[in-house]
């Protein structure tokens, strides 16, 4: 892995790790899913959200973003969304990923300004 990019498999794995903290103790907060286990939901959502994040990373081409920080923020946003009783749609995930990238960019810019 280069210093400033993430591979799709790594993105999905990191999202899955964050989402794995959604356990059966949170069942009353999770949106109801017919015939889908919690594990399958986590795998499906990790793959879909990882694909979106990976595509935005590829499209941006920016090197000024801390992609790992952006991914952590994105994973936490998805987790919070689910704990609020909703499943994110593709548009929701695009919005969350874009915001996470912007947050990472702003943090990096603040660090650069402090060095000046």
Protein backbone atom coordinates (compact mmCIF):
# COMPACT_ATOMS: atom_id res chain seq x y z
CA UNK A 1 0.00 0.00 0.00
CA UNK A 2 1.36 3.40 -0.86
CA UNK A 3 1.47 5.94 1.92
CA UNK A 4 -1.63 7.84 0.89
CA UNK A 5 -4.02 5.38 -0.75
CA UNK A 6 -6.08 2.46 0.42
CA UNK A 7 -6.96 -0.69 -1.48
CA UNK A 8 -10.60 -1.74 -1.79
CA UNK A 9 -10.09 -4.85 0.35
CA UNK A 10 -8.52 -2.81 3.12
CA UNK A 11 -11.35 -0.27 2.97
CA UNK A 12 -13.99 -2.99 3.28
CA UNK A 13 -12.11 -4.72 6.10
CA UNK A 14 -11.75 -1.51 8.09
CA UNK A 15 -15.43 -0.66 7.67
CA UNK A 16 -16.41 -4.20 8.67
CA UNK A 17 -14.30 -3.94 11.83
CA UNK A 18 -16.06 -0.72 12.83
CA UNK A 19 -19.48 -2.15 12.04
CA UNK A 20 -18.75 -5.39 13.88
CA UNK A 21 -19.21 -3.43 17.09
CA UNK A 22 -22.91 -3.50 16.18
CA UNK A 23 -23.79 -6.52 18.21
CA UNK A 24 -26.98 -8.18 19.25
CA UNK A 25 -27.14 -5.96 22.33
CA UNK A 26 -28.02 -3.15 19.93
CA UNK A 27 -30.74 -5.17 18.20
CA UNK A 28 -33.47 -2.82 19.36
CA UNK A 29 -31.69 0.09 17.64
CA UNK A 30 -30.91 -1.67 14.38
CA UNK A 31 -33.27 -1.30 11.44
CA UNK A 32 -35.29 -4.47 10.87
CA UNK A 33 -33.99 -6.72 8.09
CA UNK A 34 -36.08 -9.61 6.82
CA UNK A 35 -34.19 -12.88 6.51
CA UNK A 36 -30.79 -11.20 6.84
CA UNK A 37 -28.46 -11.95 9.72
CA UNK A 38 -26.46 -9.21 11.41
CA UNK A 39 -23.27 -10.68 9.96
CA UNK A 40 -24.68 -10.67 6.41
CA UNK A 41 -25.89 -7.09 6.86
CA UNK A 42 -22.41 -6.03 7.99
CA UNK A 43 -20.76 -7.80 5.03
CA UNK A 44 -23.19 -6.33 2.49
CA UNK A 45 -23.00 -2.83 3.90
CA UNK A 46 -19.20 -2.98 4.19
CA UNK A 47 -18.87 -4.03 0.55
CA UNK A 48 -21.28 -1.37 -0.72
CA UNK A 49 -19.92 1.46 1.38
CA UNK A 50 -16.35 0.38 0.64
CA UNK A 51 -17.02 0.46 -3.10
CA UNK A 52 -18.37 4.01 -2.82
CA UNK A 53 -15.43 5.23 -0.74
CA UNK A 54 -12.94 3.56 -3.08
CA UNK A 55 -14.53 5.16 -6.14
CA UNK A 56 -14.51 8.61 -4.55
CA UNK A 57 -10.88 8.11 -3.58
CA UNK A 58 -10.04 7.19 -7.18
CA UNK A 59 -12.03 10.08 -8.61
CA UNK A 60 -10.53 12.70 -6.33
CA UNK A 61 -6.90 12.03 -7.16
CA UNK A 62 -5.96 14.22 -4.20
CA UNK A 63 -2.80 13.60 -2.25
CA UNK A 64 -3.57 16.17 0.45
CA UNK A 65 -6.16 13.95 2.13
CA UNK A 66 -5.40 11.58 4.97
CA UNK A 67 -7.43 8.70 3.56
CA UNK A 68 -7.16 6.59 6.68
CA UNK A 69 -8.59 9.41 8.79
CA UNK A 70 -11.34 9.99 6.21
CA UNK A 71 -12.20 6.28 6.25
CA UNK A 72 -12.41 6.23 10.05
CA UNK A 73 -14.77 9.21 10.01
CA UNK A 74 -16.83 7.59 7.24
CA UNK A 75 -17.08 4.25 9.09
CA UNK A 76 -18.19 6.02 12.25
CA UNK A 77 -20.79 7.99 10.29
CA UNK A 78 -22.24 4.79 8.81
CA UNK A 79 -22.30 3.15 12.23
CA UNK A 80 -24.10 6.14 13.78
CA UNK A 81 -26.59 6.17 10.91
CA UNK A 82 -27.45 2.53 11.57
CA UNK A 83 -27.68 3.05 15.33
CA UNK A 84 -30.24 5.77 14.63
CA UNK A 85 -32.44 3.03 13.19
CA UNK A 86 -31.90 3.61 9.47
CA UNK A 87 -30.02 1.82 6.72
CA UNK A 88 -27.99 4.17 4.53
CA UNK A 89 -28.87 4.35 0.86
CA UNK A 90 -26.27 4.83 -1.85
CA UNK A 91 -26.90 8.58 -1.83
CA UNK A 92 -26.49 8.66 1.96
CA UNK A 93 -23.16 6.83 1.68
CA UNK A 94 -21.92 9.17 -1.06
CA UNK A 95 -22.83 12.15 1.11
CA UNK A 96 -21.15 10.65 4.20
CA UNK A 97 -18.01 9.76 2.22
CA UNK A 98 -17.80 13.25 0.71
CA UNK A 99 -18.19 14.88 4.11
CA UNK A 100 -15.56 12.57 5.60
CA UNK A 101 -13.12 13.45 2.84
CA UNK A 102 -13.78 17.14 3.43
CA UNK A 103 -13.22 16.75 7.19
CA UNK A 104 -9.91 15.00 6.53
CA UNK A 105 -8.86 17.70 4.08
CA UNK A 106 -9.69 20.44 6.61
CA UNK A 107 -7.69 18.70 9.35
CA UNK A 108 -4.71 18.34 7.06
CA UNK A 109 -4.97 21.98 6.01
CA UNK A 110 -5.07 23.09 9.65
CA UNK A 111 -1.90 21.09 10.36
CA UNK A 112 -0.18 22.65 7.35
CA UNK A 113 -1.15 26.16 8.48
CA UNK A 114 0.28 25.50 11.95
CA UNK A 115 3.63 24.65 10.37
CA UNK A 116 3.75 28.03 8.62
